C-alpha cells in the first residue's frame, strides 16, 4: 500500500489448489538477486520486493538549522517519537492521481485506518493501509507501541510479494516470499525510524509544526529486497490555503526529504491532519487528495 524520519522504502503464504501444487515443484532458494529487480519505496505505490543482502545503515544527515524567526521550532539529532497516546483513531481515504504531461490518470484510492488494537496481549496502535485500483494492489498493517510509537510488527503484501517483519529496540528481522522464492534478512534500525506512509501521516498529526520547523529523521526503504534506513529531514516549507470540500483549509506545507526522495505534505492546521500530498516520480507527478 506504495510511498510510503526532538530526535527525529509481510509473510502470508499464498495457498494454491492442491492439484496445482502437486504439478509445480517448490521454488528453490535463490543465491543472488535477479537483474530485473524493481526497486520499491514505501512512498510510491507499486513495485516488487526481491530478497537480497541487508544494506548498511548510513550515518544520519547533519541537522543543519535553516534561518528562521526566533520563535521557530527546531530540533537536533534523531527524531524523538511524539506522545503516541495523543494519536487519534480514524480512517482517511485519498484519491490517487498521476499528472503526466497534459493528461490526468486516476490511480484508484489509498485508505489509511488508525485503530486501537492489541498484539501478544499488549495494547498498541494498528495502522492499516490499502491501495485499490492501482496496477498492483498493496496493503500493510503496522503495530506500534501505544505510548511511544515504537514498531512491533509489520506485515505487507505487494501483488504476489509478501513480507513479515518483527522488531527489537535497534533491529528488524524479516521473512519474504514472492514468485521467485523465499528469503530473509536482518538489519539495524535507528531510533524513531518511520516505517510506512501511514505511519508518516500519523506522526505528522502529532509534531509541533510551525514556521521554520525542522528536524532530522530516518525512513525505512526496501530497495532490491534489501532493507535500508535512509537519513531524512522534515521541514515546514510554508503556509498555504487550499480548497477542500466546500471550505478552504489553512495548511502547513511540510517537505520530507530522504536521499533522492522528496515528498510534500499539506497538513491542515486545525485539526492537524494530512489532507494532500505530492511526489514527483519517473512517471509524472503523483498526487493524493483527501476525499473523506
C-alpha atoms as a PDB file:
ATOM      1  CA  UNK A   1       0.000   0.000   0.000  1.00  0.00           C
ATOM      2  CA  UNK A   2       3.235   2.255  -2.082  1.00  0.00           C
ATOM      3  CA  UNK A   3       5.428   5.928  -0.504  1.00  0.00           C
ATOM      4  CA  UNK A   4       5.423   5.126   1.717  1.00  0.00           C
ATOM      5  CA  UNK A   5      12.247  10.005   9.840  1.00  0.00           C
ATOM      6  CA  UNK A   6      13.227  16.115  19.264  1.00  0.00           C
ATOM      7  CA  UNK A   7      15.331  13.466  17.556  1.00  0.00           C
ATOM      8  CA  UNK A   8      13.502  12.808  14.549  1.00  0.00           C
ATOM      9  CA  UNK A   9      11.479   2.148   1.071  1.00  0.00           C
ATOM     10  CA  UNK A  10       4.778  -9.396   5.052  1.00  0.00           C
ATOM     11  CA  UNK A  11       4.872 -13.072   5.118  1.00  0.00           C
ATOM     12  CA  UNK A  12       1.467 -14.524   4.361  1.00  0.00           C
ATOM     13  CA  UNK A  13       1.819 -17.639   2.263  1.00  0.00           C
ATOM     14  CA  UNK A  14      -0.307 -17.834  -0.882  1.00  0.00           C
ATOM     15  CA  UNK A  15      -2.338 -21.049  -0.748  1.00  0.00           C
ATOM     16  CA  UNK A  16      -2.865 -22.587  -4.175  1.00  0.00           C
ATOM     17  CA  UNK A  17      -5.196 -25.509  -5.019  1.00  0.00           C
ATOM     18  CA  UNK A  18      -3.762 -28.912  -4.117  1.00  0.00           C
ATOM     19  CA  UNK A  19      -3.757 -30.111  -7.736  1.00  0.00           C
ATOM     20  CA  UNK A  20      -1.763 -27.112  -8.941  1.00  0.00           C
ATOM     21  CA  UNK A  21       0.697 -27.542  -6.090  1.00  0.00           C
ATOM     22  CA  UNK A  22       1.302 -31.170  -6.996  1.00  0.00           C
ATOM     23  CA  UNK A  23       2.073 -30.304 -10.607  1.00  0.00           C
ATOM     24  CA  UNK A  24       4.531 -27.499  -9.843  1.00  0.00           C
ATOM     25  CA  UNK A  25       7.831 -28.117  -7.990  1.00  0.00           C
ATOM     26  CA  UNK A  26       8.558 -25.942  -4.967  1.00  0.00           C
ATOM     27  CA  UNK A  27      10.673 -22.875  -5.764  1.00  0.00           C
ATOM     28  CA  UNK A  28      14.342 -23.217  -4.870  1.00  0.00           C
ATOM     29  CA  UNK A  29      16.157 -20.748  -2.648  1.00  0.00           C
ATOM     30  CA  UNK A  30      17.992 -18.176  -4.703  1.00  0.00           C
ATOM     31  CA  UNK A  31      21.614 -17.313  -4.107  1.00  0.00           C
ATOM     32  CA  UNK A  32      21.537 -13.977  -5.910  1.00  0.00           C
ATOM     33  CA  UNK A  33      19.128 -11.230  -6.860  1.00  0.00           C
ATOM     34  CA  UNK A  34      17.818 -11.276 -10.410  1.00  0.00           C
ATOM     35  CA  UNK A  35      18.991  -8.410 -12.609  1.00  0.00           C
ATOM     36  CA  UNK A  36      15.375  -7.447 -13.426  1.00  0.00           C
ATOM     37  CA  UNK A  37      14.721  -6.377  -9.847  1.00  0.00           C
ATOM     38  CA  UNK A  38      12.336  -3.446  -9.494  1.00  0.00           C
ATOM     39  CA  UNK A  39      13.138  -1.095  -6.650  1.00  0.00           C
ATOM     40  CA  UNK A  40      10.376  -0.451  -4.126  1.00  0.00           C
ATOM     41  CA  UNK A  41       9.951   2.615  -1.976  1.00  0.00           C
ATOM     42  CA  UNK A  42       7.341   2.698   0.771  1.00  0.00           C
ATOM     43  CA  UNK A  43       6.368   6.128  -0.544  1.00  0.00           C
ATOM     44  CA  UNK A  44       5.410   5.049  -4.090  1.00  0.00           C
ATOM     45  CA  UNK A  45       2.552   2.664  -4.993  1.00  0.00           C
ATOM     46  CA  UNK A  46       3.589  -0.456  -6.893  1.00  0.00           C
ATOM     47  CA  UNK A  47       6.928  -2.201  -7.349  1.00  0.00           C
ATOM     48  CA  UNK A  48       8.109  -5.643  -6.198  1.00  0.00           C
ATOM     49  CA  UNK A  49      10.367  -6.871  -3.444  1.00  0.00           C
ATOM     50  CA  UNK A  50      13.270  -9.230  -4.033  1.00  0.00           C
ATOM     51  CA  UNK A  51      15.391 -10.962  -1.373  1.00  0.00           C
ATOM     52  CA  UNK A  52      18.859  -9.502  -1.074  1.00  0.00           C
ATOM     53  CA  UNK A  53      21.635  -8.793   1.409  1.00  0.00           C
ATOM     54  CA  UNK A  54      20.976  -6.184   4.096  1.00  0.00           C
ATOM     55  CA  UNK A  55      22.330  -2.753   3.335  1.00  0.00           C
ATOM     56  CA  UNK A  56      24.387  -0.839   5.910  1.00  0.00           C
ATOM     57  CA  UNK A  57      22.763   1.981   7.825  1.00  0.00           C
ATOM     58  CA  UNK A  58      24.376   5.261   6.728  1.00  0.00           C
ATOM     59  CA  UNK A  59      25.316   7.949   9.166  1.00  0.00           C
ATOM     60  CA  UNK A  60      22.445  10.341   9.871  1.00  0.00           C
ATOM     61  CA  UNK A  61      22.342  13.532   7.863  1.00  0.00           C
ATOM     62  CA  UNK A  62      23.676  16.551   9.754  1.00  0.00           C
ATOM     63  CA  UNK A  63      20.935  18.630  11.270  1.00  0.00           C
ATOM     64  CA  UNK A  64      21.547  21.934   9.508  1.00  0.00           C
ATOM     65  CA  UNK A  65      19.308  24.534  11.015  1.00  0.00           C
ATOM     66  CA  UNK A  66      17.722  26.826   8.497  1.00  0.00           C
ATOM     67  CA  UNK A  67      17.395  30.508   9.289  1.00  0.00           C
ATOM     68  CA  UNK A  68      14.027  31.112  10.937  1.00  0.00           C
ATOM     69  CA  UNK A  69      12.325  33.566  13.270  1.00  0.00           C
ATOM     70  CA  UNK A  70      13.364  33.435  16.908  1.00  0.00           C
ATOM     71  CA  UNK A  71      10.123  31.657  17.830  1.00  0.00           C
ATOM     72  CA  UNK A  72      10.648  28.923  15.228  1.00  0.00           C
ATOM     73  CA  UNK A  73      10.740  25.337  16.437  1.00  0.00           C
ATOM     74  CA  UNK A  74      13.854  23.341  15.732  1.00  0.00           C
ATOM     75  CA  UNK A  75      15.352  20.084  16.928  1.00  0.00           C
ATOM     76  CA  UNK A  76      18.720  18.390  16.719  1.00  0.00           C
ATOM     77  CA  UNK A  77      19.769  14.822  16.035  1.00  0.00           C
ATOM     78  CA  UNK A  78      17.375  11.916  15.608  1.00  0.00           C
ATOM     79  CA  UNK A  79      13.630  12.337  15.584  1.00  0.00           C
ATOM     80  CA  UNK A  80      12.134  11.884  19.046  1.00  0.00           C
ATOM     81  CA  UNK A  81       8.879   9.949  18.894  1.00  0.00           C
ATOM     82  CA  UNK A  82       5.891  12.092  19.850  1.00  0.00           C
ATOM     83  CA  UNK A  83       3.413  11.060  22.527  1.00  0.00           C
ATOM     84  CA  UNK A  84       1.609   8.109  20.954  1.00  0.00           C
ATOM     85  CA  UNK A  85      -1.274   8.398  23.396  1.00  0.00           C
ATOM     86  CA  UNK A  86      -2.356  11.519  21.505  1.00  0.00           C
ATOM     87  CA  UNK A  87      -2.799   9.658  18.206  1.00  0.00           C
ATOM     88  CA  UNK A  88      -6.422   9.800  17.013  1.00  0.00           C
ATOM     89  CA  UNK A  89      -8.295   6.700  15.743  1.00  0.00           C
ATOM     90  CA  UNK A  90      -9.992   7.179  12.395  1.00  0.00           C
ATOM     91  CA  UNK A  91      -9.998   6.463   8.670  1.00  0.00           C
ATOM     92  CA  UNK A  92      -8.739   8.659   5.824  1.00  0.00           C
ATOM     93  CA  UNK A  93      -9.408   7.984   2.135  1.00  0.00           C
ATOM     94  CA  UNK A  94      -7.215   9.621  -0.508  1.00  0.00           C
ATOM     95  CA  UNK A  95      -7.783   9.774  -4.261  1.00  0.00           C
ATOM     96  CA  UNK A  96      -4.610   8.992  -6.245  1.00  0.00           C
ATOM     97  CA  UNK A  97      -3.949  10.966  -9.441  1.00  0.00           C
ATOM     98  CA  UNK A  98      -0.953  10.935 -11.769  1.00  0.00           C
ATOM     99  CA  UNK A  99      -0.247  14.152 -13.677  1.00  0.00           C
ATOM    100  CA  UNK A 100       1.666  13.163 -16.821  1.00  0.00           C
ATOM    101  CA  UNK A 101       2.336  15.838 -19.454  1.00  0.00           C
ATOM    102  CA  UNK A 102      -1.151  17.195 -20.195  1.00  0.00           C
ATOM    103  CA  UNK A 103      -3.056  14.098 -19.060  1.00  0.00           C
ATOM    104  CA  UNK A 104      -4.503  13.197 -15.669  1.00  0.00           C
ATOM    105  CA  UNK A 105      -4.543   9.473 -14.871  1.00  0.00           C
ATOM    106  CA  UNK A 106      -6.656   8.205 -11.926  1.00  0.00           C
ATOM    107  CA  UNK A 107      -4.858   5.520  -9.908  1.00  0.00           C
ATOM    108  CA  UNK A 108      -7.571   4.464  -7.512  1.00  0.00           C
ATOM    109  CA  UNK A 109      -7.670   5.180  -3.796  1.00  0.00           C
ATOM    110  CA  UNK A 110      -5.483   4.851  -0.721  1.00  0.00           C
ATOM    111  CA  UNK A 111      -7.168   4.167   2.614  1.00  0.00           C
ATOM    112  CA  UNK A 112      -5.410   4.604   5.965  1.00  0.00           C
ATOM    113  CA  UNK A 113      -7.042   3.401   9.182  1.00  0.00           C
ATOM    114  CA  UNK A 114      -5.668   4.043  12.672  1.00  0.00           C
ATOM    115  CA  UNK A 115      -7.261   1.891  15.365  1.00  0.00           C
ATOM    116  CA  UNK A 116      -6.648   0.778  18.929  1.00  0.00           C
ATOM    117  CA  UNK A 117      -5.540  -2.844  18.972  1.00  0.00           C
ATOM    118  CA  UNK A 118      -3.555  -5.455  20.917  1.00  0.00           C
ATOM    119  CA  UNK A 119      -0.603  -7.657  19.973  1.00  0.00           C
ATOM    120  CA  UNK A 120       0.526 -10.517  22.245  1.00  0.00           C
ATOM    121  CA  UNK A 121      -1.659  -9.077  24.973  1.00  0.00           C
ATOM    122  CA  UNK A 122      -0.087  -5.614  24.762  1.00  0.00           C
ATOM    123  CA  UNK A 123      -2.237  -2.598  23.884  1.00  0.00           C
ATOM    124  CA  UNK A 124      -0.994  -0.923  20.721  1.00  0.00           C
ATOM    125  CA  UNK A 125      -1.946   1.118  17.686  1.00  0.00           C
ATOM    126  CA  UNK A 126      -2.690  -0.612  14.389  1.00  0.00           C
ATOM    127  CA  UNK A 127      -2.078   1.473  11.262  1.00  0.00           C
ATOM    128  CA  UNK A 128      -3.611  -0.398   8.308  1.00  0.00           C
ATOM    129  CA  UNK A 129      -3.182   0.840   4.758  1.00  0.00           C
ATOM    130  CA  UNK A 130      -4.629  -0.393   1.449  1.00  0.00           C
ATOM    131  CA  UNK A 131      -4.420   0.790  -2.142  1.00  0.00           C
ATOM    132  CA  UNK A 132      -7.162  -0.225  -4.551  1.00  0.00           C
ATOM    133  CA  UNK A 133      -7.483   0.471  -8.258  1.00  0.00           C
ATOM    134  CA  UNK A 134      -3.719   0.689  -8.826  1.00  0.00           C
ATOM    135  CA  UNK A 135      -1.822  -1.544 -11.235  1.00  0.00           C
ATOM    136  CA  UNK A 136      -0.623  -3.622  -8.283  1.00  0.00           C
ATOM    137  CA  UNK A 137      -2.826  -3.870  -5.197  1.00  0.00           C
ATOM    138  CA  UNK A 138      -0.914  -3.315  -1.959  1.00  0.00           C
ATOM    139  CA  UNK A 139      -1.716  -3.472   1.732  1.00  0.00           C
ATOM    140  CA  UNK A 140       0.114  -3.373   5.025  1.00  0.00           C
ATOM    141  CA  UNK A 141      -0.524  -3.475   8.762  1.00  0.00           C
ATOM    142  CA  UNK A 142       1.848  -1.911  11.255  1.00  0.00           C
ATOM    143  CA  UNK A 143       1.581  -2.429  15.023  1.00  0.00           C
ATOM    144  CA  UNK A 144       3.117   0.326  17.177  1.00  0.00           C
ATOM    145  CA  UNK A 145       3.555   0.607  20.941  1.00  0.00           C
ATOM    146  CA  UNK A 146       0.822   2.927  22.110  1.00  0.00           C
ATOM    147  CA  UNK A 147       2.880   5.264  24.359  1.00  0.00           C
ATOM    148  CA  UNK A 148       5.903   5.967  22.114  1.00  0.00           C
ATOM    149  CA  UNK A 149       5.045   4.539  18.649  1.00  0.00           C
ATOM    150  CA  UNK A 150       7.996   2.135  18.539  1.00  0.00           C
ATOM    151  CA  UNK A 151       7.335  -0.574  15.893  1.00  0.00           C
ATOM    152  CA  UNK A 152       6.324  -4.071  16.997  1.00  0.00           C
ATOM    153  CA  UNK A 153       5.162  -5.977  13.906  1.00  0.00           C
ATOM    154  CA  UNK A 154       4.726  -5.169  10.219  1.00  0.00           C
ATOM    155  CA  UNK A 155       3.039  -7.354   7.596  1.00  0.00           C
ATOM    156  CA  UNK A 156       2.517  -6.305   3.988  1.00  0.00           C
ATOM    157  CA  UNK A 157       1.558  -7.569   0.544  1.00  0.00           C
ATOM    158  CA  UNK A 158       2.510  -6.100  -2.813  1.00  0.00           C
ATOM    159  CA  UNK A 159       0.889  -8.074  -5.602  1.00  0.00           C
ATOM    160  CA  UNK A 160       2.196 -11.619  -5.012  1.00  0.00           C
ATOM    161  CA  UNK A 161       5.067 -10.450  -2.824  1.00  0.00           C
ATOM    162  CA  UNK A 162       4.531 -10.895   0.906  1.00  0.00           C
ATOM    163  CA  UNK A 163       6.591  -9.601   3.808  1.00  0.00           C
ATOM    164  CA  UNK A 164       6.571 -10.063   7.597  1.00  0.00           C
ATOM    165  CA  UNK A 165       8.840  -8.013   9.859  1.00  0.00           C
ATOM    166  CA  UNK A 166       9.376  -8.121  13.615  1.00  0.00           C
ATOM    167  CA  UNK A 167      11.331  -5.507  15.556  1.00  0.00           C
ATOM    168  CA  UNK A 168      13.619  -5.202  18.546  1.00  0.00           C
ATOM    169  CA  UNK A 169      14.860  -1.951  20.072  1.00  0.00           C
ATOM    170  CA  UNK A 170      17.502  -1.478  17.367  1.00  0.00           C
ATOM    171  CA  UNK A 171      16.927  -4.151  14.705  1.00  0.00           C
ATOM    172  CA  UNK A 172      14.367  -5.601  12.327  1.00  0.00           C
ATOM    173  CA  UNK A 173      14.040  -9.231  11.210  1.00  0.00           C
ATOM    174  CA  UNK A 174      12.027 -10.111   8.119  1.00  0.00           C
ATOM    175  CA  UNK A 175      10.859 -13.045   6.028  1.00  0.00           C
ATOM    176  CA  UNK A 176       9.891 -12.563   2.409  1.00  0.00           C
ATOM    177  CA  UNK A 177       8.164 -14.574  -0.288  1.00  0.00           C
ATOM    178  CA  UNK A 178       7.402 -13.773  -3.910  1.00  0.00           C
ATOM    179  CA  UNK A 179       7.044 -15.757  -7.133  1.00  0.00           C
ATOM    180  CA  UNK A 180      10.831 -16.213  -7.314  1.00  0.00           C
ATOM    181  CA  UNK A 181      11.101 -17.903  -3.933  1.00  0.00           C
ATOM    182  CA  UNK A 182      11.717 -17.077  -0.298  1.00  0.00           C
ATOM    183  CA  UNK A 183      14.287 -15.050   1.562  1.00  0.00           C
ATOM    184  CA  UNK A 184      15.026 -13.431   4.902  1.00  0.00           C
ATOM    185  CA  UNK A 185      17.090 -10.558   6.230  1.00  0.00           C
ATOM    186  CA  UNK A 186      18.089  -8.736   9.368  1.00  0.00           C
ATOM    187  CA  UNK A 187      19.126  -5.107   9.591  1.00  0.00           C
ATOM    188  CA  UNK A 188      19.718  -2.357  12.111  1.00  0.00           C
ATOM    189  CA  UNK A 189      17.013   0.187  12.846  1.00  0.00           C
ATOM    190  CA  UNK A 190      17.743   3.754  14.008  1.00  0.00           C
ATOM    191  CA  UNK A 191      15.669   5.211  16.851  1.00  0.00           C
ATOM    192  CA  UNK A 192      12.455   6.840  15.667  1.00  0.00           C
ATOM    193  CA  UNK A 193      12.552   5.319  12.167  1.00  0.00           C
ATOM    194  CA  UNK A 194       9.391   5.875  10.120  1.00  0.00           C
ATOM    195  CA  UNK A 195       8.257   2.533   8.697  1.00  0.00           C
ATOM    196  CA  UNK A 196       5.263   3.127   6.380  1.00  0.00           C
ATOM    197  CA  UNK A 197       3.474   6.011   4.683  1.00  0.00           C
ATOM    198  CA  UNK A 198       0.557   5.509   7.057  1.00  0.00           C
ATOM    199  CA  UNK A 199       2.916   5.957   9.999  1.00  0.00           C
ATOM    200  CA  UNK A 200       4.294   9.151   8.429  1.00  0.00           C
ATOM    201  CA  UNK A 201       0.745  10.520   8.140  1.00  0.00           C
ATOM    202  CA  UNK A 202       0.043   9.697  11.775  1.00  0.00           C
ATOM    203  CA  UNK A 203       3.292  11.193  13.069  1.00  0.00           C
ATOM    204  CA  UNK A 204       2.748  14.428  11.119  1.00  0.00           C
ATOM    205  CA  UNK A 205      -0.503  14.864  13.062  1.00  0.00           C
ATOM    206  CA  UNK A 206       1.493  14.947  16.328  1.00  0.00           C
ATOM    207  CA  UNK A 207       4.527  17.092  15.506  1.00  0.00           C
ATOM    208  CA  UNK A 208       4.635  20.696  16.797  1.00  0.00           C
ATOM    209  CA  UNK A 209       4.589  22.135  13.282  1.00  0.00           C
ATOM    210  CA  UNK A 210       5.193  25.842  12.876  1.00  0.00           C
ATOM    211  CA  UNK A 211       7.080  28.386  10.793  1.00  0.00           C
ATOM    212  CA  UNK A 212      10.707  27.282  10.444  1.00  0.00           C
ATOM    213  CA  UNK A 213      10.139  23.828  11.967  1.00  0.00           C
ATOM    214  CA  UNK A 214      12.965  21.420  11.119  1.00  0.00           C
ATOM    215  CA  UNK A 215      14.083  18.038  12.405  1.00  0.00           C
ATOM    216  CA  UNK A 216      16.218  15.086  11.347  1.00  0.00           C
ATOM    217  CA  UNK A 217      14.543  11.738  10.703  1.00  0.00           C
ATOM    218  CA  UNK A 218      15.021   8.347   9.073  1.00  0.00           C
ATOM    219  CA  UNK A 219      12.704   6.259   6.907  1.00  0.00           C
ATOM    220  CA  UNK A 220      12.811   2.552   6.095  1.00  0.00           C
ATOM    221  CA  UNK A 221      13.072   1.769   2.397  1.00  0.00           C
ATOM    222  CA  UNK A 222      13.215  -1.680   0.769  1.00  0.00           C
ATOM    223  CA  UNK A 223      15.262  -1.492  -2.419  1.00  0.00           C
ATOM    224  CA  UNK A 224      16.085  -4.631  -4.388  1.00  0.00           C
ATOM    225  CA  UNK A 225      14.919  -6.698  -1.443  1.00  0.00           C
ATOM    226  CA  UNK A 226      17.428  -5.152   0.968  1.00  0.00           C
ATOM    227  CA  UNK A 227      16.154  -3.064   3.881  1.00  0.00           C
ATOM    228  CA  UNK A 228      17.759   0.301   4.346  1.00  0.00           C
ATOM    229  CA  UNK A 229      17.267   3.077   6.865  1.00  0.00           C
ATOM    230  CA  UNK A 230      17.643   6.303   4.905  1.00  0.00           C
ATOM    231  CA  UNK A 231      18.573   9.545   6.713  1.00  0.00           C
ATOM    232  CA  UNK A 232      15.910  12.176   6.165  1.00  0.00           C
ATOM    233  CA  UNK A 233      14.741  15.632   7.172  1.00  0.00           C
ATOM    234  CA  UNK A 234      11.287  17.062   7.838  1.00  0.00           C
ATOM    235  CA  UNK A 235      10.794  20.787   7.261  1.00  0.00           C
ATOM    236  CA  UNK A 236       7.884  23.199   7.237  1.00  0.00           C
ATOM    237  CA  UNK A 237       8.335  24.959   3.901  1.00  0.00           C
ATOM    238  CA  UNK A 238       5.495  27.499   4.016  1.00  0.00           C
ATOM    239  CA  UNK A 239       1.852  28.133   4.839  1.00  0.00           C
ATOM    240  CA  UNK A 240      -0.815  27.703   2.166  1.00  0.00           C
ATOM    241  CA  UNK A 241      -4.599  27.721   1.910  1.00  0.00           C
ATOM    242  CA  UNK A 242      -6.072  25.026  -0.339  1.00  0.00           C
ATOM    243  CA  UNK A 243      -9.672  24.137  -1.293  1.00  0.00           C
ATOM    244  CA  UNK A 244     -11.019  21.020   0.388  1.00  0.00           C
ATOM    245  CA  UNK A 245     -14.701  20.290   0.012  1.00  0.00           C
ATOM    246  CA  UNK A 246     -16.837  23.393   0.434  1.00  0.00           C
ATOM    247  CA  UNK A 247     -14.338  25.336   2.558  1.00  0.00           C
ATOM    248  CA  UNK A 248     -10.700  26.412   2.107  1.00  0.00           C
ATOM    249  CA  UNK A 249      -8.273  24.895   4.607  1.00  0.00           C
ATOM    250  CA  UNK A 250      -5.212  26.559   6.140  1.00  0.00           C
ATOM    251  CA  UNK A 251      -2.243  24.195   5.914  1.00  0.00           C
ATOM    252  CA  UNK A 252       1.405  23.809   6.729  1.00  0.00           C
ATOM    253  CA  UNK A 253       3.340  22.585   3.670  1.00  0.00           C
ATOM    254  CA  UNK A 254       5.781  20.004   5.041  1.00  0.00           C
ATOM    255  CA  UNK A 255       8.632  18.545   2.976  1.00  0.00           C
ATOM    256  CA  UNK A 256      10.052  15.091   3.678  1.00  0.00           C
ATOM    257  CA  UNK A 257      13.462  14.539   2.062  1.00  0.00           C
ATOM    258  CA  UNK A 258      15.295  11.194   2.168  1.00  0.00           C
ATOM    259  CA  UNK A 259      18.063  10.559  -0.347  1.00  0.00           C
ATOM    260  CA  UNK A 260      16.578  11.157  -3.794  1.00  0.00           C
ATOM    261  CA  UNK A 261      13.053  11.119  -2.349  1.00  0.00           C
ATOM    262  CA  UNK A 262      11.203  14.399  -1.894  1.00  0.00           C
ATOM    263  CA  UNK A 263       7.569  14.381  -0.893  1.00  0.00           C
ATOM    264  CA  UNK A 264       5.337  17.289   0.140  1.00  0.00           C
ATOM    265  CA  UNK A 265       2.505  17.057   2.639  1.00  0.00           C
ATOM    266  CA  UNK A 266      -0.263  19.599   3.110  1.00  0.00           C
ATOM    267  CA  UNK A 267      -1.135  19.302   6.804  1.00  0.00           C
ATOM    268  CA  UNK A 268      -4.300  21.082   7.925  1.00  0.00           C
ATOM    269  CA  UNK A 269      -3.702  23.225  10.998  1.00  0.00           C
ATOM    270  CA  UNK A 270      -6.985  22.548  12.828  1.00  0.00           C
ATOM    271  CA  UNK A 271      -7.362  19.680  13.357  1.00  0.00           C
ATOM    272  CA  UNK A 272      -3.795  18.759  12.378  1.00  0.00           C
ATOM    273  CA  UNK A 273      -4.242  16.210   9.594  1.00  0.00           C
ATOM    274  CA  UNK A 274      -2.677  15.292   6.241  1.00  0.00           C
ATOM    275  CA  UNK A 275      -5.084  16.391   3.508  1.00  0.00           C
ATOM    276  CA  UNK A 276      -2.881  16.308   0.406  1.00  0.00           C
ATOM    277  CA  UNK A 277       0.494  15.013  -0.789  1.00  0.00           C
ATOM    278  CA  UNK A 278       2.613  15.450  -3.917  1.00  0.00           C
ATOM    279  CA  UNK A 279       5.608  13.469  -5.115  1.00  0.00           C
ATOM    280  CA  UNK A 280       7.488  13.692  -8.402  1.00  0.00           C
ATOM    281  CA  UNK A 281       8.093  10.234  -9.888  1.00  0.00           C
ATOM    282  CA  UNK A 282       9.588   8.994 -13.151  1.00  0.00           C
ATOM    283  CA  UNK A 283       6.030   8.531 -14.474  1.00  0.00           C
ATOM    284  CA  UNK A 284       4.838  12.009 -13.510  1.00  0.00           C
ATOM    285  CA  UNK A 285       3.566  13.967 -10.512  1.00  0.00           C
ATOM    286  CA  UNK A 286       1.717  11.687  -8.082  1.00  0.00           C
ATOM    287  CA  UNK A 287      -0.955  13.482  -6.043  1.00  0.00           C
ATOM    288  CA  UNK A 288      -3.037  12.206  -3.129  1.00  0.00           C
ATOM    289  CA  UNK A 289      -6.092  14.254  -2.129  1.00  0.00           C
ATOM    290  CA  UNK A 290      -8.210  13.568   0.943  1.00  0.00           C
ATOM    291  CA  UNK A 291     -11.792  12.781  -0.078  1.00  0.00           C
ATOM    292  CA  UNK A 292     -13.183  11.578   3.268  1.00  0.00           C
END
